[in-house]
Amino acid sequence: MITLDCLGQRCPLPVIKLAKAMPGVAVGEIVRVLADDPAAANDIPAWCRMKGQEFVAGHGHQFDVRRVV
């Protein structure tokens, strides 16, 4: 699992960091994004839908995304 620490960063920076990390992630692997901006709770799942990735879970300031494509 890869963890991206985006605590203290405002959206869209956590989504941009996630998008930049995805090419280096193996299909099936999970990326955990740590983000405390309230907008991340909406922005990360929306990015997953737009990009065909799987939003696995979001708990507090932690969001898990599985690379599908």
Foldseek 3Di string as FASTA:
>chain_A
DAEAECEPPEPPVQVVVVVVCVVVDDQFDKYKYFYQHPCCVVVVVVVCVVVVWDFDDDDHRITIIGHHD
